Amino acid sequence: MNKTRFDLEEDIMSCWQVTEELKVILDALGHDPFFKDMDAAYSDKLMNLLIGMRAMNELKFNKLFNTFSAVCFPPPGTNK
């Protein structure tokens, strides 16, 4: 099976979902009754780690998508 740039774009967008999945976990930690008895220090530490992971992944996927765009859709007048 031959892959196209559209397959690549779809794969990138699929991976990007990890940032939304981390947000779901963060929301659950803050609102789900299951976590209500969690020690506040532990909860804060865990949430800070997840927020950091989400931010780092967002930066990496933005960089990846910018590279994808530059390679697949170069500005007019460039020799790519």
Protein backbone atom coordinates (compact mmCIF):
# COMPACT_ATOMS: atom_id res chain seq x y z
CA MET A 1 0.00 0.00 0.00
CA ASN A 2 1.38 3.38 -1.00
CA LYS A 3 1.12 6.14 1.55
CA THR A 4 0.49 9.75 0.63
CA ARG A 5 0.98 13.06 2.40
CA PHE A 6 -2.68 12.80 3.40
CA ASP A 7 -1.93 9.55 5.24
CA LEU A 8 0.96 11.30 6.97
CA GLU A 9 -1.25 14.22 7.95
CA GLU A 10 -3.88 11.83 9.31
CA ASP A 11 -1.24 9.97 11.34
CA ILE A 12 0.09 13.24 12.78
CA MET A 13 -3.39 14.39 13.74
CA SER A 14 -4.11 11.01 15.33
CA CYS A 15 -0.98 11.25 17.48
CA TRP A 16 -1.90 14.79 18.47
CA GLN A 17 -4.90 13.34 20.31
CA VAL A 18 -2.57 12.51 23.21
CA THR A 19 -2.87 16.14 24.34
CA GLU A 20 -6.65 15.84 24.52
CA GLU A 21 -6.38 12.52 26.34
CA LEU A 22 -4.13 14.13 28.95
CA LYS A 23 -6.74 16.89 29.35
CA VAL A 24 -9.41 14.25 30.01
CA ILE A 25 -7.23 12.75 32.75
CA LEU A 26 -6.61 16.20 34.25
CA ASP A 27 -10.33 16.93 34.26
CA ALA A 28 -11.01 13.60 35.95
CA LEU A 29 -8.42 14.30 38.65
CA GLY A 30 -10.10 17.61 39.36
CA HIS A 31 -13.75 16.54 39.20
CA ASP A 32 -14.23 12.77 39.39
CA PRO A 33 -15.44 11.64 42.84
CA PHE A 34 -13.06 8.67 42.61
CA PHE A 35 -10.13 11.03 43.24
CA LYS A 36 -11.77 13.22 45.93
CA ASP A 37 -9.89 11.58 48.81
CA MET A 38 -6.48 11.80 47.14
CA ASP A 39 -3.91 13.62 49.24
CA ALA A 40 -3.69 17.24 48.01
CA ALA A 41 0.12 17.19 47.70
CA TYR A 42 -0.04 14.02 45.62
CA SER A 43 -2.86 15.41 43.47
CA ASP A 44 -1.00 18.70 42.86
CA LYS A 45 2.21 16.90 41.92
CA LEU A 46 0.38 14.53 39.57
CA MET A 47 -1.57 17.36 37.93
CA ASN A 48 1.60 19.44 37.46
CA LEU A 49 3.32 16.48 35.80
CA LEU A 50 0.37 15.90 33.47
CA ILE A 51 0.10 19.60 32.62
CA GLY A 52 3.81 19.59 31.78
CA MET A 53 3.45 16.48 29.63
CA ARG A 54 0.51 18.03 27.81
CA ALA A 55 2.38 21.27 27.16
CA MET A 56 5.51 19.44 25.97
CA ASN A 57 3.53 17.24 23.61
CA GLU A 58 1.65 20.25 22.26
CA LEU A 59 4.97 21.97 21.47
CA LYS A 60 6.38 18.85 19.80
CA PHE A 61 3.27 18.28 17.67
CA ASN A 62 3.17 21.94 16.62
CA LYS A 63 6.80 21.64 15.52
CA LEU A 64 6.04 18.38 13.68
CA PHE A 65 3.03 19.85 11.91
CA ASN A 66 5.01 22.95 10.91
CA THR A 67 7.67 20.69 9.39
CA PHE A 68 4.98 18.67 7.60
CA SER A 69 3.45 21.88 6.22
CA ALA A 70 6.83 23.23 5.08
CA VAL A 71 7.71 19.96 3.31
CA CYS A 72 4.32 19.25 1.74
CA PHE A 73 3.16 22.80 1.07
CA PRO A 74 6.27 24.98 0.53
CA PRO A 75 5.72 28.69 -0.07
CA PRO A 76 5.64 29.72 -3.73
CA GLY A 77 9.06 30.43 -5.19
CA THR A 78 10.97 27.92 -3.06
CA ASN A 79 12.77 24.95 -4.54
CA LYS A 80 11.53 22.09 -2.37
